[in-house]
Amino acid sequence: MNKNIIAFILAFNFTNICVVNAQDISSDMLTDLAIPLMEGLVEQTEEAVLFDSPEGRIINAQAFGSVNGADVYQYYLMVLPSLGWGIIGQNNILCADGIDFCLEATREVEKIILNIENKNNTSKVTYSLSPN
């Protein structure tokens, strides 16, 4: 009988943790991508580029905010897999000059690359989606 109570308590606590994490993820979303913006980032919609081609979508988006680049990197390293993205490169891919953190992931037929520039605890994130 005690094992059943313990199992119930563990299941209840796990469910509550999952609900809280889902609420954390359901923040503002990028306009053209089904990817959440980290709290503290603001999308620069005037910088967005959207192009549909026979091979698939090409989307470039940017966000800025007073958040540390390492925190942004860790956030997307955790969030993308929960949205079905498979991380294929995480700072072991060659980041372009001036980029402090980079992340590459794939999902179905698309690839996304996040480039994060960090200066004085202000980050610029560039999201680049293209056919895989």
N, C-alpha and C. Protein backbone atom coordinates (compact mmCIF):
# COMPACT_ATOMS: atom_id res chain seq x y z
N MET A 1 0.81 -1.19 0.00
CA MET A 1 0.00 0.00 0.00
C MET A 1 0.87 1.27 0.00
N ASN A 2 1.94 1.28 0.80
CA ASN A 2 2.82 2.44 0.86
C ASN A 2 3.51 2.69 -0.47
N LYS A 3 3.81 1.61 -1.21
CA LYS A 3 4.45 1.77 -2.52
C LYS A 3 3.53 2.49 -3.47
N ASN A 4 2.23 2.22 -3.42
CA ASN A 4 1.26 2.90 -4.28
C ASN A 4 1.18 4.38 -3.95
N ILE A 5 1.23 4.73 -2.69
CA ILE A 5 1.17 6.14 -2.29
C ILE A 5 2.43 6.87 -2.77
N ILE A 6 3.57 6.25 -2.59
CA ILE A 6 4.83 6.85 -3.03
C ILE A 6 4.81 7.02 -4.55
N ALA A 7 4.34 6.03 -5.28
CA ALA A 7 4.26 6.13 -6.73
C ALA A 7 3.33 7.26 -7.15
N PHE A 8 2.22 7.42 -6.46
CA PHE A 8 1.28 8.51 -6.76
C PHE A 8 1.93 9.87 -6.52
N ILE A 9 2.60 10.01 -5.40
CA ILE A 9 3.25 11.28 -5.06
C ILE A 9 4.33 11.61 -6.09
N LEU A 10 5.12 10.64 -6.49
CA LEU A 10 6.16 10.86 -7.50
C LEU A 10 5.54 11.25 -8.83
N ALA A 11 4.50 10.57 -9.24
CA ALA A 11 3.83 10.88 -10.51
C ALA A 11 3.23 12.28 -10.46
N PHE A 12 2.62 12.66 -9.32
CA PHE A 12 2.02 13.98 -9.18
C PHE A 12 3.08 15.07 -9.28
N ASN A 13 4.21 14.88 -8.60
CA ASN A 13 5.29 15.86 -8.64
C ASN A 13 5.88 15.98 -10.04
N PHE A 14 6.06 14.85 -10.73
CA PHE A 14 6.59 14.87 -12.08
C PHE A 14 5.65 15.63 -13.01
N THR A 15 4.34 15.41 -12.87
CA THR A 15 3.35 16.10 -13.69
C THR A 15 3.42 17.60 -13.45
N ASN A 16 3.54 18.01 -12.21
CA ASN A 16 3.63 19.44 -11.91
C ASN A 16 4.88 20.06 -12.50
N ILE A 17 6.00 19.35 -12.46
CA ILE A 17 7.24 19.86 -13.04
C ILE A 17 7.07 20.03 -14.54
N CYS A 18 6.47 19.06 -15.22
CA CYS A 18 6.26 19.14 -16.67
C CYS A 18 5.36 20.30 -17.04
N VAL A 19 4.31 20.55 -16.26
CA VAL A 19 3.40 21.66 -16.54
C VAL A 19 4.13 22.98 -16.40
N VAL A 20 4.94 23.13 -15.37
CA VAL A 20 5.69 24.36 -15.18
C VAL A 20 6.64 24.57 -16.34
N ASN A 21 7.36 23.52 -16.76
CA ASN A 21 8.29 23.67 -17.88
C ASN A 21 7.56 24.03 -19.16
N ALA A 22 6.39 23.46 -19.42
CA ALA A 22 5.62 23.79 -20.61
C ALA A 22 5.19 25.24 -20.57
N GLN A 23 4.84 25.77 -19.39
CA GLN A 23 4.46 27.16 -19.28
C GLN A 23 5.66 28.06 -19.55
N ASP A 24 6.83 27.66 -19.10
CA ASP A 24 8.03 28.45 -19.37
C ASP A 24 8.29 28.56 -20.86
N ILE A 25 8.04 27.49 -21.61
CA ILE A 25 8.31 27.48 -23.04
C ILE A 25 7.27 28.28 -23.81
N SER A 26 6.03 28.36 -23.30
CA SER A 26 4.97 29.01 -24.05
C SER A 26 5.01 30.52 -23.91
N SER A 27 6.17 31.13 -24.11
CA SER A 27 6.32 32.57 -24.09
C SER A 27 6.01 33.10 -25.49
N ASP A 28 6.37 34.35 -25.75
CA ASP A 28 6.16 34.91 -27.08
C ASP A 28 6.91 34.08 -28.10
N MET A 29 6.31 33.96 -29.26
CA MET A 29 6.91 33.18 -30.34
C MET A 29 7.43 34.12 -31.42
N LEU A 30 8.45 33.67 -32.13
CA LEU A 30 8.90 34.40 -33.30
C LEU A 30 7.77 34.44 -34.32
N THR A 31 7.64 35.52 -35.03
CA THR A 31 6.52 35.73 -35.95
C THR A 31 6.41 34.64 -37.00
N ASP A 32 7.49 34.31 -37.67
CA ASP A 32 7.44 33.37 -38.79
C ASP A 32 7.95 31.97 -38.46
N LEU A 33 8.42 31.76 -37.24
CA LEU A 33 8.94 30.47 -36.82
C LEU A 33 8.20 30.02 -35.57
N ALA A 34 7.95 28.74 -35.46
CA ALA A 34 7.30 28.20 -34.26
C ALA A 34 8.35 27.92 -33.20
N ILE A 35 9.06 28.98 -32.83
CA ILE A 35 10.12 28.90 -31.83
C ILE A 35 9.90 30.03 -30.84
N PRO A 36 9.94 29.73 -29.54
CA PRO A 36 9.70 30.78 -28.55
C PRO A 36 10.88 31.73 -28.42
N LEU A 37 10.54 32.97 -28.08
CA LEU A 37 11.57 33.94 -27.73
C LEU A 37 11.89 33.78 -26.26
N MET A 38 13.16 33.77 -25.94
CA MET A 38 13.55 33.74 -24.54
C MET A 38 13.10 35.05 -23.89
N GLU A 39 12.68 34.95 -22.64
CA GLU A 39 12.29 36.16 -21.91
C GLU A 39 13.45 37.14 -21.92
N GLY A 40 13.15 38.39 -22.26
CA GLY A 40 14.19 39.41 -22.34
C GLY A 40 14.59 39.72 -23.77
N LEU A 41 14.25 38.84 -24.71
CA LEU A 41 14.53 39.10 -26.12
C LEU A 41 13.30 39.71 -26.80
N VAL A 42 13.55 40.60 -27.75
CA VAL A 42 12.48 41.23 -28.52
C VAL A 42 12.79 41.02 -30.00
N GLU A 43 11.84 40.47 -30.73
CA GLU A 43 12.04 40.23 -32.16
C GLU A 43 12.09 41.55 -32.91
N GLN A 44 13.00 41.62 -33.86
CA GLN A 44 13.14 42.78 -34.73
C GLN A 44 12.44 42.44 -36.05
N THR A 45 11.13 42.62 -36.10
CA THR A 45 10.33 42.17 -37.24
C THR A 45 10.73 42.85 -38.55
N GLU A 46 11.26 44.07 -38.48
CA GLU A 46 11.68 44.77 -39.70
C GLU A 46 12.92 44.12 -40.34
N GLU A 47 13.61 43.28 -39.60
CA GLU A 47 14.80 42.59 -40.10
C GLU A 47 14.47 41.21 -40.68
N ALA A 48 13.22 40.79 -40.57
CA ALA A 48 12.84 39.43 -41.00
C ALA A 48 12.82 39.28 -42.51
N VAL A 49 13.22 38.10 -42.97
CA VAL A 49 13.17 37.73 -44.38
C VAL A 49 12.47 36.39 -44.48
N LEU A 50 11.47 36.29 -45.34
CA LEU A 50 10.71 35.05 -45.52
C LEU A 50 10.61 34.78 -47.01
N PHE A 51 11.00 33.55 -47.39
CA PHE A 51 10.98 33.18 -48.80
C PHE A 51 10.55 31.72 -48.90
N ASP A 52 9.55 31.47 -49.73
CA ASP A 52 9.12 30.09 -50.01
C ASP A 52 9.70 29.67 -51.35
N SER A 53 10.33 28.52 -51.35
CA SER A 53 10.89 27.99 -52.59
C SER A 53 10.36 26.58 -52.80
N PRO A 54 10.54 26.02 -53.98
CA PRO A 54 10.11 24.63 -54.20
C PRO A 54 10.80 23.65 -53.24
N GLU A 55 12.00 23.98 -52.79
CA GLU A 55 12.74 23.11 -51.88
C GLU A 55 12.29 23.27 -50.43
N GLY A 56 11.64 24.38 -50.10
CA GLY A 56 11.20 24.63 -48.73
C GLY A 56 11.32 26.08 -48.34
N ARG A 57 11.06 26.36 -47.06
CA ARG A 57 11.08 27.73 -46.55
C ARG A 57 12.50 28.19 -46.24
N ILE A 58 12.70 29.48 -46.46
CA ILE A 58 13.93 30.14 -46.03
C ILE A 58 13.48 31.33 -45.19
N ILE A 59 13.88 31.33 -43.93
CA ILE A 59 13.46 32.38 -43.00
C ILE A 59 14.67 32.85 -42.22
N ASN A 60 14.83 34.16 -42.17
CA ASN A 60 15.84 34.77 -41.31
C ASN A 60 15.13 35.73 -40.38
N ALA A 61 15.40 35.63 -39.10
CA ALA A 61 14.80 36.50 -38.10
C ALA A 61 15.87 36.92 -37.11
N GLN A 62 15.62 38.05 -36.44
CA GLN A 62 16.56 38.54 -35.43
C GLN A 62 15.82 38.97 -34.18
N ALA A 63 16.51 38.83 -33.06
CA ALA A 63 15.98 39.32 -31.79
C ALA A 63 17.14 39.91 -30.99
N PHE A 64 16.83 40.93 -30.20
CA PHE A 64 17.81 41.59 -29.35
C PHE A 64 17.29 41.60 -27.93
N GLY A 65 18.19 41.71 -26.97
CA GLY A 65 17.75 41.85 -25.59
C GLY A 65 18.89 41.97 -24.62
N SER A 66 18.57 42.46 -23.46
CA SER A 66 19.56 42.62 -22.38
C SER A 66 19.66 41.33 -21.59
N VAL A 67 20.14 40.30 -22.25
CA VAL A 67 20.36 39.00 -21.62
C VAL A 67 21.73 38.50 -22.02
N ASN A 68 22.32 37.70 -21.18
CA ASN A 68 23.65 37.16 -21.44
C ASN A 68 23.58 36.12 -22.56
N GLY A 69 24.52 36.17 -23.48
CA GLY A 69 24.56 35.24 -24.61
C GLY A 69 24.66 33.79 -24.19
N ALA A 70 25.41 33.50 -23.13
CA ALA A 70 25.52 32.12 -22.65
C ALA A 70 24.18 31.61 -22.16
N ASP A 71 23.39 32.49 -21.53
CA ASP A 71 22.06 32.09 -21.07
C ASP A 71 21.13 31.83 -22.25
N VAL A 72 21.23 32.65 -23.28
CA VAL A 72 20.42 32.46 -24.50
C VAL A 72 20.78 31.11 -25.13
N TYR A 73 22.07 30.84 -25.22
CA TYR A 73 22.54 29.59 -25.79
C TYR A 73 22.00 28.39 -25.01
N GLN A 74 22.10 28.42 -23.69
CA GLN A 74 21.61 27.32 -22.85
C GLN A 74 20.09 27.16 -22.98
N TYR A 75 19.37 28.28 -23.08
CA TYR A 75 17.92 28.23 -23.22
C TYR A 75 17.53 27.46 -24.48
N TYR A 76 18.11 27.84 -25.62
CA TYR A 76 17.74 27.18 -26.87
C TYR A 76 18.29 25.76 -26.96
N LEU A 77 19.38 25.49 -26.28
CA LEU A 77 19.91 24.13 -26.22
C LEU A 77 18.91 23.20 -25.52
N MET A 78 18.12 23.73 -24.60
CA MET A 78 17.11 22.94 -23.91
C MET A 78 15.76 22.97 -24.63
N VAL A 79 15.38 24.12 -25.19
CA VAL A 79 14.05 24.29 -25.78
C VAL A 79 13.91 23.59 -27.13
N LEU A 80 14.89 23.71 -27.99
CA LEU A 80 14.76 23.15 -29.35
C LEU A 80 14.46 21.66 -29.34
N PRO A 81 15.16 20.83 -28.58
CA PRO A 81 14.82 19.40 -28.58
C PRO A 81 13.39 19.12 -28.10
N SER A 82 12.88 19.93 -27.19
CA SER A 82 11.51 19.72 -26.71
C SER A 82 10.48 20.06 -27.79
N LEU A 83 10.91 20.74 -28.84
CA LEU A 83 10.03 21.07 -29.96
C LEU A 83 10.29 20.17 -31.17
N GLY A 84 11.05 19.12 -30.96
CA GLY A 84 11.29 18.15 -32.03
C GLY A 84 12.54 18.39 -32.85
N TRP A 85 13.33 19.37 -32.49
CA TRP A 85 14.58 19.65 -33.20
C TRP A 85 15.69 18.77 -32.64
N GLY A 86 16.48 18.20 -33.53
CA GLY A 86 17.65 17.42 -33.13
C GLY A 86 18.89 18.27 -33.24
N ILE A 87 19.59 18.47 -32.15
CA ILE A 87 20.80 19.28 -32.14
C ILE A 87 21.91 18.50 -32.85
N ILE A 88 22.50 19.11 -33.88
CA ILE A 88 23.58 18.44 -34.60
C ILE A 88 24.91 19.16 -34.44
N GLY A 89 24.88 20.39 -33.97
CA GLY A 89 26.11 21.13 -33.73
C GLY A 89 25.89 22.12 -32.62
N GLN A 90 26.75 22.10 -31.62
CA GLN A 90 26.60 23.03 -30.51
C GLN A 90 27.95 23.57 -30.09
N ASN A 91 28.26 24.70 -30.65
CA ASN A 91 29.53 25.38 -30.42
C ASN A 91 30.74 24.57 -30.85
N ASN A 92 30.52 23.35 -31.33
CA ASN A 92 31.65 22.63 -31.91
C ASN A 92 31.64 22.82 -33.43
N ILE A 93 30.55 23.44 -33.93
CA ILE A 93 30.58 23.84 -35.33
C ILE A 93 31.34 25.16 -35.38
N LEU A 94 31.87 25.48 -36.50
CA LEU A 94 32.67 26.69 -36.63
C LEU A 94 31.75 27.90 -36.67
N CYS A 95 31.75 28.69 -35.60
CA CYS A 95 30.97 29.92 -35.57
C CYS A 95 31.64 30.96 -36.47
N ALA A 96 30.82 31.76 -37.12
CA ALA A 96 31.35 32.83 -37.97
C ALA A 96 32.07 33.86 -37.10
N ASP A 97 32.91 34.67 -37.72
CA ASP A 97 33.62 35.72 -37.00
C ASP A 97 32.61 36.65 -36.31
N GLY A 98 32.89 37.00 -35.07
CA GLY A 98 32.03 37.90 -34.32
C GLY A 98 30.86 37.22 -33.63
N ILE A 99 30.71 35.91 -33.85
CA ILE A 99 29.62 35.16 -33.23
C ILE A 99 30.18 34.46 -31.99
N ASP A 100 29.55 34.68 -30.85
CA ASP A 100 30.04 34.11 -29.60
C ASP A 100 29.55 32.69 -29.36
N PHE A 101 28.30 32.41 -29.76
CA PHE A 101 27.71 31.08 -29.59
C PHE A 101 26.94 30.74 -30.86
N CYS A 102 26.98 29.46 -31.26
CA CYS A 102 26.20 29.03 -32.42
C CYS A 102 25.63 27.65 -32.14
N LEU A 103 24.49 27.40 -32.76
CA LEU A 103 23.75 26.18 -32.52
C LEU A 103 23.07 25.78 -33.82
N GLU A 104 23.17 24.51 -34.18
CA GLU A 104 22.54 24.01 -35.40
C GLU A 104 21.67 22.81 -35.05
N ALA A 105 20.45 22.79 -35.64
CA ALA A 105 19.52 21.70 -35.37
C ALA A 105 18.71 21.39 -36.63
N THR A 106 18.21 20.15 -36.70
CA THR A 106 17.36 19.75 -37.83
C THR A 106 16.06 19.17 -37.31
N ARG A 107 15.02 19.31 -38.14
CA ARG A 107 13.72 18.71 -37.86
C ARG A 107 13.08 18.43 -39.21
N GLU A 108 12.77 17.16 -39.44
CA GLU A 108 12.20 16.70 -40.70
C GLU A 108 13.06 17.20 -41.86
N VAL A 109 12.57 18.10 -42.69
CA VAL A 109 13.32 18.52 -43.88
C VAL A 109 13.93 19.92 -43.73
N GLU A 110 13.96 20.44 -42.48
CA GLU A 110 14.47 21.79 -42.27
C GLU A 110 15.65 21.80 -41.31
N LYS A 111 16.47 22.83 -41.47
CA LYS A 111 17.64 23.05 -40.62
C LYS A 111 17.54 24.48 -40.07
N ILE A 112 17.89 24.64 -38.80
CA ILE A 112 17.94 25.98 -38.23
C ILE A 112 19.31 26.21 -37.61
N ILE A 113 19.83 27.39 -37.83
CA ILE A 113 21.10 27.80 -37.24
C ILE A 113 20.83 29.06 -36.41
N LEU A 114 21.26 29.03 -35.17
CA LEU A 114 21.18 30.20 -34.30
C LEU A 114 22.57 30.73 -34.07
N ASN A 115 22.77 32.01 -34.37
CA ASN A 115 24.02 32.69 -34.10
C ASN A 115 23.75 33.73 -33.02
N ILE A 116 24.55 33.71 -31.97
CA ILE A 116 24.34 34.60 -30.84
C ILE A 116 25.58 35.46 -30.64
N GLU A 117 25.38 36.77 -30.76
CA GLU A 117 26.44 37.74 -30.48
C GLU A 117 26.17 38.33 -29.11
N ASN A 118 27.20 38.44 -28.30
CA ASN A 118 27.04 38.93 -26.93
C ASN A 118 28.02 40.06 -26.68
N LYS A 119 27.48 41.23 -26.32
CA LYS A 119 28.33 42.37 -25.96
C LYS A 119 27.71 43.06 -24.76
N ASN A 120 28.45 43.14 -23.66
CA ASN A 120 28.00 43.84 -22.45
C ASN A 120 26.62 43.36 -21.98
N ASN A 121 26.44 42.06 -21.91
CA ASN A 121 25.18 41.44 -21.48
C ASN A 121 23.98 41.82 -22.35
N THR A 122 24.26 42.22 -23.57
CA THR A 122 23.21 42.43 -24.57
C THR A 122 23.46 41.43 -25.68
N SER A 123 22.42 40.72 -26.08
CA SER A 123 22.57 39.68 -27.09
C SER A 123 21.77 40.00 -28.34
N LYS A 124 22.35 39.63 -29.46
CA LYS A 124 21.66 39.66 -30.75
C LYS A 124 21.62 38.21 -31.22
N VAL A 125 20.42 37.70 -31.47
CA VAL A 125 20.25 36.33 -31.93
C VAL A 125 19.74 36.36 -33.36
N THR A 126 20.41 35.64 -34.25
CA THR A 126 19.97 35.50 -35.63
C THR A 126 19.53 34.06 -35.82
N TYR A 127 18.28 33.89 -36.26
CA TYR A 127 17.68 32.59 -36.51
C TYR A 127 17.63 32.41 -38.02
N SER A 128 18.27 31.37 -38.56
CA SER A 128 18.29 31.12 -40.00
C SER A 128 17.73 29.73 -40.28
N LEU A 129 16.55 29.69 -40.91
CA LEU A 129 15.91 28.42 -41.25
C LEU A 129 16.03 28.21 -42.74
N SER A 130 16.36 26.97 -43.14
CA SER A 130 16.48 26.65 -44.55
C SER A 130 16.16 25.17 -44.75
N PRO A 131 15.93 24.78 -46.01
CA PRO A 131 15.74 23.34 -46.27
C PRO A 131 16.98 22.57 -45.87
N ASN A 132 16.79 21.35 -45.40
CA ASN A 132 17.90 20.52 -44.95
C ASN A 132 18.65 19.94 -46.13
